[in-house]
Protein backbone atom coordinates (compact mmCIF):
# COMPACT_ATOMS: atom_id res chain seq x y z
CA UNK A 1 145.54 -13.86 27.36
CA UNK A 2 145.75 -17.05 25.31
CA UNK A 3 144.18 -20.31 26.49
CA UNK A 4 143.36 -23.66 24.97
CA UNK A 5 140.05 -25.42 25.44
CA UNK A 6 138.91 -28.97 24.75
CA UNK A 7 139.09 -30.47 22.31
CA UNK A 8 140.80 -28.22 19.73
CA UNK A 9 140.25 -24.52 20.50
CA UNK A 10 142.71 -21.67 20.94
CA UNK A 11 141.12 -18.55 22.42
CA UNK A 12 142.39 -15.01 22.82
CA UNK A 13 140.87 -13.02 25.69
CA UNK A 14 141.21 -9.35 26.57
CA UNK A 15 143.17 -9.38 29.83
CA UNK A 16 141.32 -6.31 31.14
CA UNK A 17 137.76 -7.64 31.04
CA UNK A 18 137.87 -11.24 29.75
CA UNK A 19 136.16 -10.46 26.45
CA UNK A 20 136.80 -13.14 23.85
CA UNK A 21 138.62 -11.35 21.03
CA UNK A 22 138.75 -14.42 18.82
CA UNK A 23 138.72 -18.21 18.95
CA UNK A 24 140.00 -20.70 16.44
CA UNK A 25 139.57 -24.45 16.06
CA UNK A 26 142.72 -26.25 14.92
CA UNK A 27 141.71 -29.49 13.25
CA UNK A 28 143.62 -32.28 11.47
CA UNK A 29 142.12 -31.10 8.17
CA UNK A 30 144.85 -28.43 8.05
CA UNK A 31 147.71 -30.98 8.11
CA UNK A 32 149.21 -31.27 4.60
CA UNK A 33 150.58 -34.83 4.79
CA UNK A 34 147.75 -37.39 4.31
CA UNK A 35 149.10 -40.20 6.50
CA UNK A 36 149.88 -37.87 9.40
CA UNK A 37 146.49 -36.18 8.99
CA UNK A 38 144.76 -39.57 9.30
CA UNK A 39 146.77 -40.67 12.36
CA UNK A 40 146.15 -37.36 14.15
CA UNK A 41 142.47 -37.49 13.26
CA UNK A 42 142.10 -41.04 14.60
CA UNK A 43 143.78 -40.37 17.96
CA UNK A 44 141.66 -41.29 20.97
CA UNK A 45 142.52 -39.70 24.30
CA UNK A 46 142.65 -42.16 27.24
CA UNK A 47 139.33 -42.24 29.11
CA UNK A 48 140.86 -41.20 32.45
CA UNK A 49 143.72 -39.21 30.97
CA UNK A 50 144.66 -35.58 30.56
CA UNK A 51 142.46 -34.78 27.55
CA UNK A 52 143.68 -33.02 24.42
CA UNK A 53 144.42 -29.51 25.71
CA UNK A 54 146.73 -30.12 28.68
CA UNK A 55 149.80 -28.53 27.08
CA UNK A 56 150.40 -24.81 27.68
CA UNK A 57 150.80 -22.66 24.53
CA UNK A 58 153.97 -20.60 24.01
CA UNK A 59 154.51 -17.33 22.14
CA UNK A 60 157.46 -15.43 20.71
CA UNK A 61 155.43 -12.21 20.53
CA UNK A 62 154.56 -12.77 16.86
CA UNK A 63 152.75 -16.11 16.89
CA UNK A 64 151.18 -18.39 19.47
CA UNK A 65 152.27 -22.02 19.15
CA UNK A 66 149.76 -24.57 20.34
CA UNK A 67 150.05 -28.33 20.75
CA UNK A 68 147.21 -30.80 21.25
CA UNK A 69 147.57 -34.35 22.51
CA UNK A 70 146.45 -35.87 19.20
CA UNK A 71 149.74 -34.60 17.73
CA UNK A 72 148.40 -31.45 16.09
CA UNK A 73 150.87 -28.55 16.23
CA UNK A 74 149.97 -25.12 14.92
CA UNK A 75 151.02 -21.49 14.76
CA UNK A 76 148.48 -18.65 14.96
CA UNK A 77 149.32 -14.96 14.84
CA UNK A 78 148.14 -12.57 17.54
CA UNK A 79 145.10 -11.56 15.48
CA UNK A 80 143.87 -15.14 15.18
CA UNK A 81 145.10 -15.96 11.66
CA UNK A 82 146.36 -19.50 11.17
CA UNK A 83 149.98 -19.45 9.95
CA UNK A 84 150.65 -23.17 9.61
CA UNK A 85 149.50 -26.56 10.88
CA UNK A 86 151.46 -29.79 11.07
CA UNK A 87 151.22 -33.07 12.91
CA UNK A 88 153.22 -35.67 14.82
CA UNK A 89 152.33 -39.25 13.94
CA UNK A 90 154.32 -41.05 16.67
CA UNK A 91 152.53 -43.76 18.63
CA UNK A 92 151.64 -42.72 22.22
CA UNK A 93 154.18 -43.68 24.87
CA UNK A 94 152.30 -42.64 28.02
CA UNK A 95 149.19 -44.29 29.37
CA UNK A 96 147.30 -41.23 30.66
CA UNK A 97 147.64 -38.99 27.64
CA UNK A 98 150.13 -36.33 26.64
CA UNK A 99 150.79 -33.17 28.60
CA UNK A 100 154.32 -31.91 27.80
CA UNK A 101 154.23 -28.31 26.58
CA UNK A 102 156.10 -26.81 23.61
CA UNK A 103 158.99 -24.43 24.25
CA UNK A 104 161.19 -22.09 22.24
CA UNK A 105 164.94 -22.67 22.42
CA UNK A 106 167.67 -21.25 20.17
CA UNK A 107 165.10 -20.11 17.61
CA UNK A 108 163.50 -23.55 17.42
CA UNK A 109 160.08 -24.78 18.51
CA UNK A 110 160.71 -27.84 20.68
CA UNK A 111 158.02 -30.50 21.14
CA UNK A 112 158.32 -33.61 23.31
CA UNK A 113 155.70 -36.07 22.14
CA UNK A 114 156.89 -39.71 22.29
CA UNK A 115 160.12 -38.47 20.65
CA UNK A 116 161.87 -35.11 20.91
CA UNK A 117 161.30 -32.81 17.92
CA UNK A 118 162.42 -29.40 16.72
CA UNK A 119 160.38 -27.33 14.23
CA UNK A 120 160.99 -24.09 12.39
CA UNK A 121 158.64 -21.58 14.11
CA UNK A 122 158.22 -19.63 10.86
CA UNK A 123 157.14 -22.50 8.62
CA UNK A 124 156.36 -25.56 10.76
CA UNK A 125 159.03 -27.57 8.94
CA UNK A 126 160.53 -30.36 11.06
CA UNK A 127 164.22 -29.62 11.65
CA UNK A 128 165.22 -32.73 13.56
CA UNK A 129 163.91 -35.60 15.65
CA UNK A 130 165.63 -37.58 18.40
CA UNK A 131 163.93 -40.96 18.82
CA UNK A 132 166.09 -41.96 21.79
CA UNK A 133 164.88 -39.12 24.04
CA UNK A 134 161.48 -40.53 24.96
CA UNK A 135 158.80 -38.41 26.59
CA UNK A 136 156.95 -38.70 29.88
CA UNK A 137 154.36 -36.21 31.17
CA UNK A 138 156.62 -33.28 32.08
CA UNK A 139 158.16 -30.69 29.79
CA UNK A 140 161.91 -30.59 29.04
CA UNK A 141 163.93 -27.66 30.29
CA UNK A 142 166.58 -25.65 28.46
CA UNK A 143 170.07 -25.37 29.92
CA UNK A 144 173.42 -24.09 28.73
CA UNK A 145 176.76 -25.79 29.30
CA UNK A 146 180.03 -24.21 28.11
CA UNK A 147 178.07 -21.84 25.85
CA UNK A 148 176.07 -24.61 24.15
CA UNK A 149 172.27 -24.87 24.41
CA UNK A 150 170.84 -28.22 25.49
CA UNK A 151 167.47 -29.75 26.27
CA UNK A 152 167.14 -31.80 29.44
CA UNK A 153 164.19 -34.20 29.45
CA UNK A 154 162.26 -35.51 32.46
CA UNK A 155 163.77 -38.96 31.86
CA UNK A 156 167.29 -37.57 32.05
CA UNK A 157 168.32 -37.31 28.39
CA UNK A 158 170.51 -34.36 27.39
CA UNK A 159 170.09 -33.31 23.74
CA UNK A 160 171.81 -30.57 21.73
CA UNK A 161 169.27 -27.93 20.76
CA UNK A 162 171.07 -27.06 17.51
CA UNK A 163 170.99 -30.45 15.82
CA UNK A 164 169.16 -32.87 18.12
CA UNK A 165 172.15 -35.11 18.88
CA UNK A 166 172.13 -37.00 22.18
CA UNK A 167 174.86 -35.75 24.50
CA UNK A 168 174.14 -37.74 27.66
CA UNK A 169 171.48 -39.99 29.19
CA UNK A 170 170.39 -41.27 32.58
CA UNK A 171 171.11 -37.97 34.33
CA UNK A 172 167.96 -38.18 36.45
CA UNK A 173 164.31 -39.17 36.38
CA UNK A 174 160.88 -37.73 37.04
CA UNK A 175 157.67 -39.61 36.36
CA UNK A 176 155.36 -36.62 35.90
CA UNK A 177 157.09 -33.31 36.57
CA UNK A 178 159.70 -31.26 34.72
CA UNK A 179 163.37 -30.92 35.61
CA UNK A 180 164.56 -27.39 36.31
CA UNK A 181 167.87 -25.54 36.02
CA UNK A 182 169.23 -22.85 38.32
CA UNK A 183 172.21 -21.74 40.38
CA UNK A 184 174.50 -23.76 38.12
CA UNK A 185 172.67 -27.02 38.91
CA UNK A 186 170.03 -29.28 37.41
CA UNK A 187 167.23 -30.55 39.66
CA UNK A 188 164.91 -33.56 39.33
CA UNK A 189 161.99 -33.51 41.76
CA UNK A 190 160.52 -36.92 42.48
CA UNK A 191 160.40 -39.44 45.33
CA UNK A 192 164.17 -39.36 44.98
CA UNK A 193 165.00 -35.69 44.48
CA UNK A 194 168.43 -35.02 43.01
CA UNK A 195 170.70 -32.09 42.19
CA UNK A 196 173.59 -32.47 39.77
CA UNK A 197 176.22 -30.33 38.10
CA UNK A 198 177.26 -30.70 34.47
CA UNK A 199 180.88 -29.86 33.77
CA UNK A 200 182.04 -28.43 30.40
CA UNK A 201 182.95 -31.90 29.11
CA UNK A 202 179.38 -32.99 30.05
CA UNK A 203 180.59 -35.14 32.92
CA UNK A 204 177.82 -35.13 35.51
CA UNK A 205 178.55 -34.72 39.22
CA UNK A 206 175.97 -35.68 41.83
CA UNK A 207 175.71 -32.79 44.30
CA UNK A 208 172.97 -33.96 46.65
CA UNK A 209 170.06 -36.37 47.02
CA UNK A 210 166.94 -36.12 49.15
CA UNK A 211 164.07 -38.51 49.74
CA UNK A 212 160.39 -37.58 49.98
CA UNK A 213 157.26 -39.62 50.58
CA UNK A 214 154.42 -39.42 48.10
CA UNK A 215 153.94 -39.05 44.36
CA UNK A 216 155.04 -35.80 42.71
CA UNK A 217 153.01 -34.27 39.87
CA UNK A 218 153.82 -30.56 39.97
CA UNK A 219 157.29 -29.35 39.02
CA UNK A 220 159.76 -28.15 41.68
CA UNK A 221 160.37 -24.47 42.32
CA UNK A 222 163.77 -22.96 43.09
CA UNK A 223 163.86 -19.70 45.06
CA UNK A 224 166.54 -18.03 47.14
CA UNK A 225 168.56 -21.19 47.62
CA UNK A 226 165.61 -23.41 48.51
CA UNK A 227 164.05 -26.12 46.34
CA UNK A 228 160.31 -26.50 47.06
CA UNK A 229 158.15 -29.46 46.00
CA UNK A 230 154.58 -30.50 46.62
CA UNK A 231 153.13 -33.99 46.31
CA UNK A 232 149.85 -35.09 44.82
CA UNK A 233 148.50 -35.27 48.38
CA UNK A 234 149.25 -31.56 48.83
CA UNK A 235 152.24 -32.04 51.13
CA UNK A 236 155.11 -29.56 51.08
CA UNK A 237 158.79 -30.49 51.02
CA UNK A 238 161.78 -28.15 50.87
CA UNK A 239 165.52 -28.74 50.55
CA UNK A 240 168.59 -26.57 50.86
CA UNK A 241 169.44 -26.26 47.16
CA UNK A 242 173.05 -25.44 48.05
CA UNK A 243 173.51 -28.52 50.22
CA UNK A 244 175.76 -31.54 49.72
CA UNK A 245 175.47 -35.32 49.69
CA UNK A 246 172.43 -36.86 51.43
CA UNK A 247 170.06 -34.12 52.59
CA UNK A 248 167.29 -34.13 55.14
CA UNK A 249 164.36 -31.89 54.14
CA UNK A 250 164.03 -28.39 55.59
CA UNK A 251 160.28 -29.01 55.44
CA UNK A 252 159.29 -32.66 55.58
CA UNK A 253 155.83 -33.36 54.20
CA UNK A 254 153.83 -30.52 55.76
CA UNK A 255 150.13 -30.92 54.89
CA UNK A 256 148.89 -27.82 53.06
CA UNK A 257 145.34 -28.74 52.07
CA UNK A 258 142.23 -29.19 54.20
CA UNK A 259 140.22 -31.00 51.51
CA UNK A 260 142.16 -34.10 50.49
CA UNK A 261 139.38 -36.59 49.73
CA UNK A 262 140.27 -36.55 46.04
CA UNK A 263 143.33 -38.54 45.02
CA UNK A 264 145.47 -36.94 43.81
CA UNK A 265 144.49 -33.74 45.61
CA UNK A 266 146.80 -31.46 43.59
CA UNK A 267 148.26 -31.62 40.10
CA UNK A 268 149.39 -28.00 39.87
CA UNK A 269 152.93 -26.77 40.32
CA UNK A 270 153.86 -24.49 43.18
CA UNK A 271 154.10 -20.95 41.74
CA UNK A 272 156.08 -17.90 42.87
CA UNK A 273 154.71 -14.34 42.69
CA UNK A 274 156.48 -11.54 44.53
CA UNK A 275 157.14 -12.70 48.10
CA UNK A 276 154.59 -15.51 48.05
CA UNK A 277 154.12 -19.11 46.95
CA UNK A 278 150.75 -20.26 45.58
CA UNK A 279 149.36 -23.78 45.31
CA UNK A 280 146.01 -24.52 43.62
CA UNK A 281 144.26 -27.80 44.36
CA UNK A 282 141.95 -30.03 42.35
CA UNK A 283 139.09 -29.20 44.75
CA UNK A 284 139.52 -25.40 44.64
CA UNK A 285 141.75 -24.58 47.60
CA UNK A 286 144.32 -21.84 47.02
CA UNK A 287 147.08 -21.91 49.62
CA UNK A 288 149.39 -18.89 49.94
CA UNK A 289 152.75 -19.23 51.71
CA UNK A 290 155.66 -16.94 52.42
CA UNK A 291 158.46 -17.58 49.94
CA UNK A 292 160.99 -18.27 52.72
CA UNK A 293 162.73 -21.30 54.16
CA UNK A 294 159.94 -21.58 56.72
CA UNK A 295 157.13 -21.16 54.13
CA UNK A 296 154.73 -19.78 56.75
CA UNK A 297 151.03 -20.01 55.85
CA UNK A 298 149.68 -16.59 54.83
CA UNK A 299 146.12 -17.38 53.74
CA UNK A 300 143.81 -20.06 52.46
CA UNK A 301 141.14 -19.30 49.86
CA UNK A 302 138.43 -21.41 48.20
CA UNK A 303 137.45 -21.38 44.55
CA UNK A 304 134.16 -22.90 43.39
CA UNK A 305 135.36 -25.84 41.29
CA UNK A 306 139.09 -26.57 41.48
CA UNK A 307 141.83 -26.88 38.91
CA UNK A 308 144.69 -29.09 37.83
CA UNK A 309 146.51 -26.14 36.30
CA UNK A 310 148.84 -23.53 37.76
CA UNK A 311 148.11 -19.79 37.96
CA UNK A 312 149.80 -17.20 35.77
CA UNK A 313 150.77 -13.82 37.21
CA UNK A 314 151.09 -10.53 35.33
CA UNK A 315 151.51 -7.22 37.08
CA UNK A 316 149.13 -7.24 40.02
CA UNK A 317 146.79 -9.86 38.56
CA UNK A 318 146.52 -13.61 38.94
CA UNK A 319 144.93 -15.57 36.08
CA UNK A 320 143.58 -18.98 37.08
CA UNK A 321 141.51 -21.66 35.41
CA UNK A 322 138.85 -23.05 37.75
CA UNK A 323 136.37 -25.57 36.44
CA UNK A 324 135.09 -24.25 33.10
CA UNK A 325 135.96 -20.62 33.87
CA UNK A 326 138.99 -18.40 33.67
CA UNK A 327 139.39 -15.97 36.55
CA UNK A 328 141.37 -12.77 36.87
CA UNK A 329 142.00 -11.95 40.55
CA UNK A 330 143.57 -8.59 41.47
CA UNK A 331 145.51 -7.49 44.50
C-alpha cells in the first residue's frame, strides 16, 4: 500500500499488517533545473487549501509516480529507490491549492497542474505541454474516440494523448470533480450535470442534462445504467444514465449524513465495492448503500476522526485514511 503524507513523504506499507516497509522524502533538492528547483521550493500552500499531498499516486507495477502541490513530480521504484525527480514551475491557477492526480495514458505520465503535461515515465522528460487546457481541482479522464486516445479535462478540453494537441473545448464543466467516461458517453457532474456523446469526427452531441442543488466535490459514479452523485452537504442524487434530453433525478437530494455541522460535510467521492456504495464524510461517518437505482441504506458506521479522501478496496479489505491514521477494515 502506497500513501503520501504531508508535506513531502511517500510511504510503502505492508497491506497485511500496516508495517512501514520504507518511507522517502521527495524534496526540491532533487530537481536538476535550478530555476524550477527554486520555484518549487518557494511554493506556499494556501492557508485553507488542500495541502501538498492531496493528489493520489499512480503505479505501473514498476514505479510509483507521486505529485505534490508545489510542482514536484517523482518516480520511486517498489523498493523505495528514487528513479527521477522533476518539477513544474507554472504559476498556480486555483485558489485552494492543487489536487488533480497524475494518471498513465498511452505510455505517458499525465499531470494537470495549471497546464496539461505529459512526461516519459522512464526518465521524467517532459514530452509535451498544452497551455490552453487549464486545470481545476479534479483529475482529467482518459477516453477513446475512433481508436484515438484523448484526455478530457474537468473544464471540458479534449486533448490528444499522443502529442498534446487540442481537439475540442467547452464540452462541459466541473468546478471540483472529475469527468468520467462510460457506456459510450462522457459525464460531467456538477450543479448542471450533463451527458454527451463524441462522434468519430469529434462532433459532440448533448444526450441529456439534469439539475441538482448544492455544490459537488466528489466525482460521479456510473454503475448499471445509473449515474450517482453526492454533494458537499452529503446529499445523494441519481440519474438514469441512458436517458434523453432534460432529466428529473431518480434520487433527488436524499440526505445521507447525520452529522452535517461541518461545511462542506463530505469531500470524498462515492465508491463502489461489490454490491455496495460507500461514502466517507469529513466528520467520520461511513454510509453504505445498495448499488441499485433505489440506493437503499444498508448501514451507517462512525470512524474516530473523519476524512476528505475516498476508500480503496482490494479483495475483502477496505483501506481508508481517517485523521492521521490509515485503517484496513475486513469483511
